[in-house]
Protein backbone atom coordinates (compact mmCIF):
# COMPACT_ATOMS: atom_id res chain seq x y z
CA MET A 1 -6.00 -16.25 -2.59
CA SER A 2 -4.80 -12.95 -4.04
CA THR A 3 -4.85 -9.25 -3.27
CA ILE A 4 -3.16 -6.11 -4.57
CA ASN A 5 -3.00 -2.67 -2.92
CA LEU A 6 -1.38 0.65 -3.66
CA THR A 7 -0.62 3.72 -1.56
CA ALA A 8 0.77 7.10 -2.57
CA ASN A 9 0.41 10.85 -2.28
CA LEU A 10 -1.62 11.68 -5.39
CA CYS A 11 -2.87 14.88 -6.99
CA VAL A 12 -6.55 14.54 -7.99
CA THR A 13 -8.57 16.49 -10.49
CA GLY A 14 -11.78 16.32 -12.54
CA GLY A 15 -14.00 15.19 -9.65
CA HIS A 16 -17.54 14.20 -10.55
CA ARG A 17 -20.28 12.30 -8.76
CA GLN A 18 -21.83 9.01 -9.84
CA THR A 19 -25.01 7.67 -8.29
CA THR A 20 -25.79 3.97 -8.31
CA SER A 21 -28.82 3.78 -6.04
CA PRO A 22 -28.56 3.46 -3.12
CA THR A 23 -24.77 3.95 -3.26
CA TYR A 24 -22.94 7.15 -4.09
CA TYR A 25 -19.44 7.44 -5.55
CA CYS A 26 -17.05 10.10 -6.75
CA HIS A 27 -14.55 9.69 -9.56
CA TYR A 28 -11.25 11.55 -9.89
CA ASN A 29 -8.39 11.51 -12.35
CA THR A 30 -4.75 11.26 -11.36
CA VAL A 31 -1.44 9.77 -12.51
CA LEU A 32 1.13 7.47 -10.94
CA GLN A 33 4.67 8.79 -11.19
CA THR A 34 7.34 6.26 -12.11
CA THR A 35 11.11 6.33 -11.75
CA HIS A 36 11.24 7.76 -15.28
CA GLU A 37 10.51 11.48 -15.27
CA ASP A 38 8.89 11.33 -18.70
CA MET A 39 6.56 8.42 -17.84
CA THR A 40 3.30 8.64 -15.90
CA ILE A 41 0.43 6.14 -15.70
CA PRO A 42 -3.18 7.44 -15.80
CA VAL A 43 -5.55 6.33 -13.03
CA ASP A 44 -9.31 6.48 -12.55
CA ILE A 45 -10.08 6.81 -8.83
CA HIS A 46 -13.41 5.49 -7.53
CA VAL A 47 -14.28 6.45 -3.95
CA TYR A 48 -17.43 6.06 -1.86
CA SER A 49 -18.99 9.45 -1.13
CA PRO A 50 -22.12 9.88 1.02
CA PRO A 51 -24.85 12.24 -0.22
CA GLY A 52 -24.01 15.86 0.49
CA GLU A 53 -20.25 15.35 0.64
CA CYS A 54 -18.35 17.97 -1.34
CA LEU A 55 -16.03 17.10 -4.20
CA LEU A 56 -12.35 17.72 -3.69
CA PRO A 57 -11.11 20.82 -5.56
CA ASP A 58 -8.88 20.26 -8.58
CA ASN A 59 -5.19 19.71 -7.77
CA THR A 60 -5.89 18.59 -4.20
CA ILE A 61 -3.14 16.30 -2.93
CA ALA A 62 -4.28 13.35 -0.82
CA HIS A 63 -2.75 10.32 0.78
CA ILE A 64 -4.64 7.43 -0.83
CA VAL A 65 -4.76 3.68 -0.21
CA GLY A 66 -6.72 1.48 -2.57
CA ARG A 67 -7.18 -1.77 -4.46
CA ILE A 68 -6.11 -1.64 -8.09
CA PHE A 69 -6.57 -3.28 -11.47
CA GLY A 70 -3.72 -2.57 -13.89
CA PRO A 71 -4.34 -4.09 -17.33
CA PRO A 72 -1.46 -3.85 -19.84
CA SER A 73 -0.96 -0.46 -21.52
CA SER A 74 -4.21 0.89 -20.12
CA LYS A 75 -5.60 3.17 -17.44
CA VAL A 76 -5.32 1.81 -13.90
CA LEU A 77 -8.61 1.44 -12.01
CA MET A 78 -8.48 2.13 -8.28
CA ASP A 79 -11.16 1.49 -5.64
CA VAL A 80 -10.23 3.65 -2.68
CA ILE A 81 -9.92 2.15 0.80
CA SER A 82 -8.76 5.36 2.47
CA ILE A 83 -8.33 8.94 1.23
CA VAL A 84 -6.95 11.74 3.41
CA PRO A 85 -6.61 15.15 1.69
CA TYR A 86 -3.80 17.40 2.86
CA PRO A 87 -5.14 20.68 4.30
CA GLY A 88 -4.75 23.98 2.52
CA ASP A 89 -5.86 25.78 -0.61
CA PRO A 90 -4.73 23.94 -3.76
CA LYS A 91 -4.72 27.28 -5.61
CA ALA A 92 -2.19 28.81 -3.23
CA ASP A 93 1.43 29.04 -4.36
CA ASN A 94 2.66 27.63 -1.04
CA TYR A 95 0.17 24.72 -0.93
CA GLU A 96 2.84 22.05 -1.38
CA ASP A 97 5.30 23.58 1.10
CA ASN A 98 3.98 21.55 4.05
CA ILE A 99 3.30 18.32 2.11
CA PRO A 100 5.87 15.50 2.31
CA ASP A 101 8.18 15.55 -0.70
CA ASP A 102 7.40 11.94 -1.59
CA THR A 103 6.00 11.01 -4.98
CA SER A 104 6.83 7.30 -4.72
CA VAL A 105 4.10 4.71 -5.27
CA ALA A 106 4.14 1.67 -2.97
CA ILE A 107 2.47 -1.56 -4.15
CA TRP A 108 2.03 -4.76 -2.17
CA GLY A 109 0.07 -7.94 -2.68
CA VAL A 110 -0.21 -11.72 -2.79
CA GLY A 111 -0.14 -13.59 -6.07
CA ALA A 112 1.02 -16.67 -7.96
CA VAL A 113 4.36 -16.80 -9.79
CA ILE A 114 3.62 -17.44 -13.48
CA SER A 115 7.08 -17.21 -15.03
CA ASN A 116 10.53 -18.57 -14.40
CA ALA A 117 12.99 -15.99 -13.19
CA GLU A 118 15.00 -14.21 -15.86
CA TYR A 119 18.27 -12.42 -15.27
CA GLY A 120 19.64 -9.29 -16.83
CA ALA A 121 22.75 -9.11 -18.96
CA ASP A 122 24.88 -8.53 -15.86
CA SER A 123 23.04 -11.39 -14.00
CA LYS A 124 22.25 -9.00 -11.18
CA MET A 125 18.63 -8.19 -11.97
CA CYS A 126 16.17 -11.02 -11.26
CA ILE A 127 12.84 -10.55 -13.07
CA PHE A 128 9.63 -12.58 -12.72
CA ASN A 129 5.88 -12.11 -13.12
CA LEU A 130 2.96 -12.54 -10.73
CA ALA A 131 -0.66 -13.29 -11.60
CA ILE A 132 -2.49 -11.09 -9.14
CA SER A 133 -6.10 -10.04 -8.59
CA ASP A 134 -8.50 -8.16 -6.34
CA TYR A 135 -12.12 -7.04 -6.15
CA VAL A 136 -12.34 -3.81 -8.17
CA ARG A 137 -15.46 -2.18 -9.65
CA ASP A 138 -17.83 -4.89 -8.43
CA ALA A 139 -15.87 -7.85 -9.81
CA THR A 140 -12.65 -9.78 -9.24
CA LYS A 141 -10.14 -8.66 -11.85
CA SER A 142 -6.76 -10.22 -12.60
CA PHE A 143 -3.63 -8.84 -14.24
CA THR A 144 0.12 -9.42 -14.41
CA LEU A 145 2.55 -7.60 -12.14
CA GLY A 146 6.23 -7.51 -13.05
CA CYS A 147 8.66 -7.91 -10.11
CA ILE A 148 12.39 -7.15 -9.98
CA TYR A 149 15.04 -8.06 -7.42
CA ASP A 150 17.73 -5.40 -7.55
CA GLY A 151 20.81 -7.60 -7.62
CA ASN A 152 23.07 -4.62 -7.02
CA SER A 153 21.97 -4.69 -3.39
CA VAL A 154 23.70 -7.19 -1.09
CA ARG A 155 20.41 -7.80 0.73
CA TRP A 156 19.32 -10.10 -2.12
CA ASN A 157 22.53 -12.17 -2.33
CA ARG A 158 21.02 -15.10 -0.43
CA THR A 159 17.39 -14.73 -1.53
CA PRO A 160 16.39 -17.37 -4.09
CA ALA A 161 14.17 -16.59 -7.02
CA PRO A 162 10.59 -17.78 -6.38
CA ASN A 163 9.55 -21.03 -7.99
CA ILE A 164 6.90 -20.99 -10.69
CA ASN A 165 3.33 -21.81 -9.53
CA THR A 166 4.08 -20.82 -5.92
CA VAL A 167 2.17 -18.16 -4.01
CA ILE A 168 4.23 -15.27 -2.61
CA TYR A 169 3.82 -11.86 -1.01
CA VAL A 170 5.70 -8.86 -2.38
CA TYR A 171 6.12 -5.22 -1.42
CA GLY A 172 7.92 -2.67 -3.54
CA LEU A 173 7.93 0.70 -5.26
CA LEU A 174 6.52 1.26 -8.73
CA LYS A 175 9.32 1.40 -11.30
CA ASP A 176 7.65 1.68 -14.71
CA VAL A 177 5.83 -0.54 -17.19
CA ASP A 178 7.63 -3.44 -18.85
CA GLU A 179 7.83 -4.32 -22.56
CA GLN A 180 4.40 -6.01 -22.37
CA GLY A 181 2.85 -2.92 -20.77
CA ASN A 182 2.55 -4.46 -17.29
CA LEU A 183 3.10 -2.48 -14.11
CA SER A 184 6.55 -3.26 -12.74
CA ILE A 185 7.89 -2.87 -9.19
CA VAL A 186 11.31 -3.06 -7.55
CA VAL A 187 10.83 -5.54 -4.70
CA ASP A 188 11.81 -4.35 -1.22
CA HIS A 189 10.30 -7.28 0.69
CA VAL A 190 9.18 -10.79 -0.25
CA ALA A 191 7.65 -13.76 1.58
CA LEU A 192 8.07 -17.00 -0.35
CA ASN A 193 5.92 -20.14 -0.46
CA LEU A 194 2.86 -18.90 1.37
CA GLY A 195 0.53 -21.67 2.54
CA SER A 196 -2.71 -22.24 4.39
CA GLY A 197 -0.77 -22.75 7.61
CA THR A 198 0.63 -19.24 7.59
CA ILE A 199 -0.54 -17.33 10.64
CA ALA A 200 -0.16 -13.59 10.83
CA GLY A 201 1.60 -12.37 13.94
CA ARG A 202 -0.13 -10.04 16.31
CA GLY A 203 1.68 -6.92 17.37
CA GLY A 204 1.83 -5.90 20.98
CA GLY A 205 0.90 -2.71 22.73
CA GLY A 206 -1.60 -0.04 21.93
CA PRO A 207 -1.54 3.50 20.59
CA ASP A 208 0.48 6.07 22.49
CA ARG A 209 -1.36 8.79 24.39
CA GLY A 210 1.33 11.31 23.77
CA ASP A 211 3.34 13.45 26.17
CA LYS A 212 1.93 13.11 29.70
CA GLY A 213 3.47 16.44 30.64
CA SER A 214 1.44 18.39 28.11
CA HIS A 215 -2.30 18.94 27.75
CA ARG A 216 -1.98 18.76 23.99
CA ARG A 217 -1.92 15.25 22.61
CA ARG A 218 0.86 14.53 20.16
CA LYS A 219 -0.25 13.03 16.84
CA PHE A 220 2.96 11.03 16.30
CA THR A 221 5.39 9.36 18.65
CA ALA A 222 8.34 6.97 18.45
CA ALA A 223 8.23 5.56 22.00
CA ALA A 224 5.89 3.07 23.64
CA VAL A 225 4.10 4.15 26.83
CA ASP A 226 3.82 1.44 29.46
CA GLU A 227 1.20 3.41 31.36
CA TYR A 228 -1.23 2.85 28.50
CA ARG A 229 -1.13 -0.89 28.99
CA ALA A 230 -1.89 -0.50 32.71
CA ASP A 231 -4.75 1.90 31.98
CA ASP A 232 -6.10 -0.46 29.35
CA VAL A 233 -6.18 -3.32 31.86
CA ASN A 234 -7.94 -1.13 34.42
CA ARG A 235 -10.61 -0.18 31.89
CA ARG A 236 -11.33 -3.83 31.20
CA GLU A 237 -11.79 -4.55 34.92
CA ASP A 238 -15.32 -3.21 34.99
CA THR A 239 -16.70 -3.21 38.54
CA SER A 240 -20.20 -3.80 37.18
CA LEU A 241 -19.18 -7.31 36.13
CA PRO A 242 -19.22 -10.15 38.67
CA ALA A 243 -15.82 -10.62 40.26
CA ALA A 244 -13.94 -13.83 39.66
CA HIS A 245 -14.67 -16.30 42.46
CA SER A 246 -11.85 -16.54 44.96
CA PRO A 247 -12.42 -18.71 48.03
CA SER A 248 -12.04 -16.84 51.30
CA ASN A 249 -9.76 -17.94 54.12
CA GLU A 250 -12.83 -18.79 56.19
CA THR A 251 -14.21 -21.07 53.47
CA MET A 252 -10.87 -22.75 52.96
CA SER A 253 -10.44 -23.28 56.71
CA SER A 254 -13.89 -24.83 57.03
CA ALA A 255 -12.95 -27.26 54.26
CA GLY A 256 -9.85 -28.33 56.15
CA TYR A 257 -7.28 -26.13 54.40
CA ASP A 258 -4.63 -24.07 56.14
CA SER A 259 -4.47 -20.85 54.14
CA SER A 260 -1.16 -19.75 55.66
CA ASN A 261 0.50 -22.95 54.49
CA LEU A 262 -0.95 -22.53 51.02
CA MET A 263 0.42 -19.00 50.79
CA THR A 264 3.84 -20.17 51.97
CA ARG A 265 3.89 -22.98 49.43
CA SER A 266 2.87 -20.62 46.65
CA ALA A 267 5.77 -18.36 47.57
CA ASP A 268 8.18 -21.28 47.58
CA LEU A 269 7.00 -22.36 44.13
């Protein structure tokens, strides 16, 4: 079991269409920005595009989520899961004014630890490698992902280094490429010793409907709305469906039951 995903705001260019009957794709070029200003990593983006869909103009910025294959010292291949272009004219001088000032690249995935942890000269940086893979360009492709615990942060003081040959989940931001040319991330979250018995939790609640006092629905909110849950229950209680059988007082009396006593007992319980 393994998977690897990436998300970032990326600037795309060089769009061209590829047709593999009966499927249609578009390819774009972009780069991943690292923590080093003078280092970028080239990426070939591969995204499904129905017939008739227009190519994105050069220098369009989009929020992209995708599966990746990052071989050492080579171009990263990305199969897009979701791409949302930011509105506006990429040729306009003020195009980036309303785009979040965030060039970080987030990477998360599940893989097997293939190296013992190494520590930096100051013993504060814990470094290990993951063998990780995903389905990219019509085949499962594997590569090595370098992972770093930033020992300068107290949050990692009690977190042990993962054992070799164990399966773990990591989330972090792209740092750079290591000496072997592998993508390297600074870990922000880790789940150790994943097993077949791991069950993902299910979050509660549903999407917010926005401000009830306004006719315009808000796109983002930070508060849960209890009314939504009540409305959601009411929608599921479809009157066209047969009602759940509930014995009437008359039926219960004919069977020798005293409904008033039953109600009293229920209240006492």
